[in-house]
């Protein structure tokens, strides 16, 4: 058995804290893989709130949800994840959230996540993260602007108060180019 890559490990970490009836966020819907995973985890009584700025991503994901019968528990929003706070009322607690930073694989490589919007979203989600809940960021940095976002996100996570949060960094360090790595923020 091989060590899981950052993307595979993100599902392991979310699977440990997300279950039936939970509310979760897919901050970057992309091709829908995380959305489908989360929809399966929360089941028909749960709720997945998904965000993407690209219509192609939302359309492809909606098709997958329809084909799998998981659409009832998912709401997709054609807006940036920095607006996540507008979709969570005060008492709502989330069990988990996931971000895949960078650009949509197979999509427009000029449309990329940005440090300012990503951190706005993470800060909003932290206000709703329940104890034992996790926010997962899979960080891809090998594109223009990617290193800036990487440094901003890592710096933010390193400065979260240890009494309230545990932050894990996971990734391969002997691979060429800019292998993705994972940041997991868990509320204590």
C-alpha atoms as a PDB file:
ATOM      1  CA  UNK A   1       0.000   0.000   0.000  1.00  0.00           C
ATOM      2  CA  UNK A   2       1.383   3.399  -0.996  1.00  0.00           C
ATOM      3  CA  UNK A   3       1.214   6.624   0.958  1.00  0.00           C
ATOM      4  CA  UNK A   4      -1.879   8.544  -0.160  1.00  0.00           C
ATOM      5  CA  UNK A   5      -1.382  11.787  -2.067  1.00  0.00           C
ATOM      6  CA  UNK A   6      -2.741  15.042  -0.638  1.00  0.00           C
ATOM      7  CA  UNK A   7      -6.051  14.756  -2.481  1.00  0.00           C
ATOM      8  CA  UNK A   8      -6.712  11.170  -1.356  1.00  0.00           C
ATOM      9  CA  UNK A   9      -5.695  12.008   2.212  1.00  0.00           C
ATOM     10  CA  UNK A  10      -8.158  14.914   2.239  1.00  0.00           C
ATOM     11  CA  UNK A  11     -10.998  12.402   1.896  1.00  0.00           C
ATOM     12  CA  UNK A  12      -9.572  10.259   4.702  1.00  0.00           C
ATOM     13  CA  UNK A  13      -9.439  13.273   7.031  1.00  0.00           C
ATOM     14  CA  UNK A  14     -12.933  14.448   6.095  1.00  0.00           C
ATOM     15  CA  UNK A  15     -14.346  10.929   6.378  1.00  0.00           C
ATOM     16  CA  UNK A  16     -13.247  10.867  10.020  1.00  0.00           C
ATOM     17  CA  UNK A  17     -15.250  13.963  10.996  1.00  0.00           C
ATOM     18  CA  UNK A  18     -18.193  14.141   8.560  1.00  0.00           C
ATOM     19  CA  UNK A  19     -21.222  11.899   8.870  1.00  0.00           C
ATOM     20  CA  UNK A  20     -24.945  11.578   8.190  1.00  0.00           C
ATOM     21  CA  UNK A  21     -26.919  14.751   8.785  1.00  0.00           C
ATOM     22  CA  UNK A  22     -23.912  17.063   8.874  1.00  0.00           C
ATOM     23  CA  UNK A  23     -23.516  20.352   7.044  1.00  0.00           C
ATOM     24  CA  UNK A  24     -20.310  20.742   5.014  1.00  0.00           C
ATOM     25  CA  UNK A  25     -18.814  23.115   2.450  1.00  0.00           C
ATOM     26  CA  UNK A  26     -17.065  22.419  -0.833  1.00  0.00           C
ATOM     27  CA  UNK A  27     -15.387  25.784  -1.344  1.00  0.00           C
ATOM     28  CA  UNK A  28     -14.057  24.932  -4.829  1.00  0.00           C
ATOM     29  CA  UNK A  29     -16.477  22.566  -6.556  1.00  0.00           C
ATOM     30  CA  UNK A  30     -14.259  22.039  -9.605  1.00  0.00           C
ATOM     31  CA  UNK A  31     -14.991  18.725 -11.300  1.00  0.00           C
ATOM     32  CA  UNK A  32     -17.243  17.612  -8.443  1.00  0.00           C
ATOM     33  CA  UNK A  33     -15.165  14.836  -6.903  1.00  0.00           C
ATOM     34  CA  UNK A  34     -15.167  16.363  -3.415  1.00  0.00           C
ATOM     35  CA  UNK A  35     -18.825  17.388  -3.756  1.00  0.00           C
ATOM     36  CA  UNK A  36     -19.860  13.797  -4.496  1.00  0.00           C
ATOM     37  CA  UNK A  37     -17.696  12.451  -1.682  1.00  0.00           C
ATOM     38  CA  UNK A  38     -19.215  14.911   0.794  1.00  0.00           C
ATOM     39  CA  UNK A  39     -22.768  14.240  -0.434  1.00  0.00           C
ATOM     40  CA  UNK A  40     -22.221  10.529   0.226  1.00  0.00           C
ATOM     41  CA  UNK A  41     -20.805  11.266   3.685  1.00  0.00           C
ATOM     42  CA  UNK A  42     -23.683  13.495   4.842  1.00  0.00           C
ATOM     43  CA  UNK A  43     -26.402  11.337   3.286  1.00  0.00           C
ATOM     44  CA  UNK A  44     -29.946  12.429   2.487  1.00  0.00           C
ATOM     45  CA  UNK A  45     -30.378  14.246   5.817  1.00  0.00           C
ATOM     46  CA  UNK A  46     -27.175  16.272   5.432  1.00  0.00           C
ATOM     47  CA  UNK A  47     -26.331  19.372   3.473  1.00  0.00           C
ATOM     48  CA  UNK A  48     -23.443  20.202   1.135  1.00  0.00           C
ATOM     49  CA  UNK A  49     -22.976  23.826   0.156  1.00  0.00           C
ATOM     50  CA  UNK A  50     -20.754  24.176  -2.922  1.00  0.00           C
ATOM     51  CA  UNK A  51     -19.131  27.202  -4.558  1.00  0.00           C
ATOM     52  CA  UNK A  52     -17.432  27.804  -7.874  1.00  0.00           C
ATOM     53  CA  UNK A  53     -16.998  30.807 -10.165  1.00  0.00           C
ATOM     54  CA  UNK A  54     -16.930  28.705 -13.337  1.00  0.00           C
ATOM     55  CA  UNK A  55     -20.198  27.642 -14.935  1.00  0.00           C
ATOM     56  CA  UNK A  56     -18.505  24.632 -16.559  1.00  0.00           C
ATOM     57  CA  UNK A  57     -17.520  23.305 -13.129  1.00  0.00           C
ATOM     58  CA  UNK A  58     -20.992  23.750 -11.693  1.00  0.00           C
ATOM     59  CA  UNK A  59     -22.639  22.183 -14.734  1.00  0.00           C
ATOM     60  CA  UNK A  60     -20.358  19.131 -14.707  1.00  0.00           C
ATOM     61  CA  UNK A  61     -20.898  18.683 -10.981  1.00  0.00           C
ATOM     62  CA  UNK A  62     -24.671  19.034 -11.270  1.00  0.00           C
ATOM     63  CA  UNK A  63     -24.656  16.346 -13.963  1.00  0.00           C
ATOM     64  CA  UNK A  64     -22.720  13.985 -11.677  1.00  0.00           C
ATOM     65  CA  UNK A  65     -25.089  14.707  -8.786  1.00  0.00           C
ATOM     66  CA  UNK A  66     -28.086  13.967 -10.981  1.00  0.00           C
ATOM     67  CA  UNK A  67     -26.576  10.727 -12.285  1.00  0.00           C
ATOM     68  CA  UNK A  68     -25.739   9.512  -8.785  1.00  0.00           C
ATOM     69  CA  UNK A  69     -28.991  10.640  -7.170  1.00  0.00           C
ATOM     70  CA  UNK A  70     -27.134  12.808  -4.662  1.00  0.00           C
ATOM     71  CA  UNK A  71     -28.453  16.183  -5.800  1.00  0.00           C
ATOM     72  CA  UNK A  72     -31.109  16.599  -3.106  1.00  0.00           C
ATOM     73  CA  UNK A  73     -28.589  17.284  -0.334  1.00  0.00           C
ATOM     74  CA  UNK A  74     -26.397  19.656  -2.385  1.00  0.00           C
ATOM     75  CA  UNK A  75     -26.800  23.369  -3.103  1.00  0.00           C
ATOM     76  CA  UNK A  76     -24.392  24.769  -5.685  1.00  0.00           C
ATOM     77  CA  UNK A  77     -23.683  28.496  -5.896  1.00  0.00           C
ATOM     78  CA  UNK A  78     -22.165  30.329  -8.862  1.00  0.00           C
ATOM     79  CA  UNK A  79     -20.064  32.656  -6.754  1.00  0.00           C
ATOM     80  CA  UNK A  80     -16.652  32.781  -5.124  1.00  0.00           C
ATOM     81  CA  UNK A  81     -16.030  31.006  -1.826  1.00  0.00           C
ATOM     82  CA  UNK A  82     -15.302  34.351  -0.172  1.00  0.00           C
ATOM     83  CA  UNK A  83     -19.114  34.695   0.049  1.00  0.00           C
ATOM     84  CA  UNK A  84     -19.555  31.506   2.114  1.00  0.00           C
ATOM     85  CA  UNK A  85     -20.514  33.541   5.177  1.00  0.00           C
ATOM     86  CA  UNK A  86     -23.607  34.799   3.337  1.00  0.00           C
ATOM     87  CA  UNK A  87     -24.870  31.202   3.115  1.00  0.00           C
ATOM     88  CA  UNK A  88     -24.356  30.192   6.756  1.00  0.00           C
ATOM     89  CA  UNK A  89     -26.680  31.606   9.385  1.00  0.00           C
ATOM     90  CA  UNK A  90     -25.424  32.197  12.929  1.00  0.00           C
ATOM     91  CA  UNK A  91     -26.413  28.864  14.510  1.00  0.00           C
ATOM     92  CA  UNK A  92     -25.155  26.741  11.593  1.00  0.00           C
ATOM     93  CA  UNK A  93     -22.204  24.567  12.513  1.00  0.00           C
ATOM     94  CA  UNK A  94     -20.189  22.780   9.861  1.00  0.00           C
ATOM     95  CA  UNK A  95     -18.437  19.449  10.276  1.00  0.00           C
ATOM     96  CA  UNK A  96     -15.982  20.095   7.479  1.00  0.00           C
ATOM     97  CA  UNK A  97     -14.950  22.096   4.464  1.00  0.00           C
ATOM     98  CA  UNK A  98     -12.587  21.466   1.592  1.00  0.00           C
ATOM     99  CA  UNK A  99     -10.647  23.725  -0.773  1.00  0.00           C
ATOM    100  CA  UNK A 100      -8.606  22.711  -3.807  1.00  0.00           C
ATOM    101  CA  UNK A 101      -6.513  25.775  -4.485  1.00  0.00           C
ATOM    102  CA  UNK A 102      -5.178  26.697  -7.905  1.00  0.00           C
ATOM    103  CA  UNK A 103      -7.119  26.218 -11.134  1.00  0.00           C
ATOM    104  CA  UNK A 104      -9.730  23.816 -12.455  1.00  0.00           C
ATOM    105  CA  UNK A 105      -7.988  20.749 -13.950  1.00  0.00           C
ATOM    106  CA  UNK A 106      -8.815  20.734 -17.649  1.00  0.00           C
ATOM    107  CA  UNK A 107     -10.313  24.212 -17.336  1.00  0.00           C
ATOM    108  CA  UNK A 108      -9.259  27.812 -17.861  1.00  0.00           C
ATOM    109  CA  UNK A 109      -5.804  28.085 -16.248  1.00  0.00           C
ATOM    110  CA  UNK A 110      -6.129  31.860 -16.029  1.00  0.00           C
ATOM    111  CA  UNK A 111      -8.932  31.486 -13.453  1.00  0.00           C
ATOM    112  CA  UNK A 112      -7.153  30.711 -10.185  1.00  0.00           C
ATOM    113  CA  UNK A 113      -7.885  30.987  -6.492  1.00  0.00           C
ATOM    114  CA  UNK A 114      -6.421  34.015  -4.715  1.00  0.00           C
ATOM    115  CA  UNK A 115      -4.996  34.396  -1.214  1.00  0.00           C
ATOM    116  CA  UNK A 116      -7.375  37.222  -0.248  1.00  0.00           C
ATOM    117  CA  UNK A 117     -10.577  35.385  -1.205  1.00  0.00           C
ATOM    118  CA  UNK A 118      -9.354  32.051   0.154  1.00  0.00           C
ATOM    119  CA  UNK A 119      -8.467  33.553   3.532  1.00  0.00           C
ATOM    120  CA  UNK A 120     -11.767  35.460   3.669  1.00  0.00           C
ATOM    121  CA  UNK A 121     -13.549  32.122   3.189  1.00  0.00           C
ATOM    122  CA  UNK A 122     -11.412  30.262   5.735  1.00  0.00           C
ATOM    123  CA  UNK A 123     -11.981  32.956   8.369  1.00  0.00           C
ATOM    124  CA  UNK A 124     -15.748  32.820   7.793  1.00  0.00           C
ATOM    125  CA  UNK A 125     -15.754  29.016   8.006  1.00  0.00           C
ATOM    126  CA  UNK A 126     -13.755  29.011  11.246  1.00  0.00           C
ATOM    127  CA  UNK A 127     -16.650  30.918  12.868  1.00  0.00           C
ATOM    128  CA  UNK A 128     -18.942  27.953  12.086  1.00  0.00           C
ATOM    129  CA  UNK A 129     -16.543  25.017  12.533  1.00  0.00           C
ATOM    130  CA  UNK A 130     -17.712  22.696  15.298  1.00  0.00           C
ATOM    131  CA  UNK A 131     -15.421  20.923  17.733  1.00  0.00           C
ATOM    132  CA  UNK A 132     -13.654  18.104  15.926  1.00  0.00           C
ATOM    133  CA  UNK A 133     -14.545  19.633  12.562  1.00  0.00           C
ATOM    134  CA  UNK A 134     -11.891  20.115   9.909  1.00  0.00           C
ATOM    135  CA  UNK A 135     -11.154  22.574   7.140  1.00  0.00           C
ATOM    136  CA  UNK A 136      -8.962  20.983   4.489  1.00  0.00           C
ATOM    137  CA  UNK A 137      -6.930  23.004   2.005  1.00  0.00           C
ATOM    138  CA  UNK A 138      -5.193  21.134  -0.811  1.00  0.00           C
ATOM    139  CA  UNK A 139      -2.601  23.650  -1.958  1.00  0.00           C
ATOM    140  CA  UNK A 140      -1.391  23.666  -5.562  1.00  0.00           C
ATOM    141  CA  UNK A 141       1.203  26.375  -6.121  1.00  0.00           C
ATOM    142  CA  UNK A 142       2.820  25.679  -9.515  1.00  0.00           C
ATOM    143  CA  UNK A 143       0.946  28.404 -11.406  1.00  0.00           C
ATOM    144  CA  UNK A 144       1.353  32.192 -11.620  1.00  0.00           C
ATOM    145  CA  UNK A 145       0.396  33.631  -8.234  1.00  0.00           C
ATOM    146  CA  UNK A 146       0.321  30.185  -6.652  1.00  0.00           C
ATOM    147  CA  UNK A 147       3.342  30.741  -4.426  1.00  0.00           C
ATOM    148  CA  UNK A 148       1.835  33.967  -3.064  1.00  0.00           C
ATOM    149  CA  UNK A 149      -1.345  32.129  -2.096  1.00  0.00           C
ATOM    150  CA  UNK A 150       0.663  29.240  -0.653  1.00  0.00           C
ATOM    151  CA  UNK A 151       2.718  31.533   1.587  1.00  0.00           C
ATOM    152  CA  UNK A 152      -0.328  33.518   2.742  1.00  0.00           C
ATOM    153  CA  UNK A 153      -2.329  30.404   3.613  1.00  0.00           C
ATOM    154  CA  UNK A 154       0.561  28.677   5.405  1.00  0.00           C
ATOM    155  CA  UNK A 155       1.362  31.875   7.340  1.00  0.00           C
ATOM    156  CA  UNK A 156      -2.283  32.240   8.383  1.00  0.00           C
ATOM    157  CA  UNK A 157      -2.483  28.609   9.531  1.00  0.00           C
ATOM    158  CA  UNK A 158       0.797  28.797  11.455  1.00  0.00           C
ATOM    159  CA  UNK A 159      -0.593  31.716  13.432  1.00  0.00           C
ATOM    160  CA  UNK A 160      -3.899  30.125  14.457  1.00  0.00           C
ATOM    161  CA  UNK A 161      -4.104  29.821  18.261  1.00  0.00           C
ATOM    162  CA  UNK A 162      -2.894  26.407  19.391  1.00  0.00           C
ATOM    163  CA  UNK A 163      -5.435  26.248  22.228  1.00  0.00           C
ATOM    164  CA  UNK A 164      -8.307  26.389  19.739  1.00  0.00           C
ATOM    165  CA  UNK A 165      -6.938  24.703  16.608  1.00  0.00           C
ATOM    166  CA  UNK A 166      -4.582  21.966  15.534  1.00  0.00           C
ATOM    167  CA  UNK A 167      -3.062  22.402  12.083  1.00  0.00           C
ATOM    168  CA  UNK A 168      -1.500  19.566  10.123  1.00  0.00           C
ATOM    169  CA  UNK A 169       0.650  19.939   7.011  1.00  0.00           C
ATOM    170  CA  UNK A 170       0.948  16.823   4.846  1.00  0.00           C
ATOM    171  CA  UNK A 171       2.744  16.384   1.562  1.00  0.00           C
ATOM    172  CA  UNK A 172       5.563  14.784  -0.332  1.00  0.00           C
ATOM    173  CA  UNK A 173       8.855  16.668  -0.162  1.00  0.00           C
ATOM    174  CA  UNK A 174      10.977  14.769  -2.704  1.00  0.00           C
ATOM    175  CA  UNK A 175       8.895  15.328  -5.846  1.00  0.00           C
ATOM    176  CA  UNK A 176       9.793  17.588  -8.748  1.00  0.00           C
ATOM    177  CA  UNK A 177       7.960  20.790  -9.642  1.00  0.00           C
ATOM    178  CA  UNK A 178       5.438  21.894  -7.019  1.00  0.00           C
ATOM    179  CA  UNK A 179       3.645  18.849  -5.612  1.00  0.00           C
ATOM    180  CA  UNK A 180       0.367  19.687  -3.880  1.00  0.00           C
ATOM    181  CA  UNK A 181       0.260  19.490  -0.126  1.00  0.00           C
ATOM    182  CA  UNK A 182      -2.533  19.497   2.387  1.00  0.00           C
ATOM    183  CA  UNK A 183      -3.311  21.740   5.327  1.00  0.00           C
ATOM    184  CA  UNK A 184      -5.894  20.476   7.811  1.00  0.00           C
ATOM    185  CA  UNK A 185      -7.293  22.832  10.435  1.00  0.00           C
ATOM    186  CA  UNK A 186      -9.109  21.009  13.236  1.00  0.00           C
ATOM    187  CA  UNK A 187     -11.075  22.768  15.951  1.00  0.00           C
ATOM    188  CA  UNK A 188     -10.178  21.332  19.359  1.00  0.00           C
END
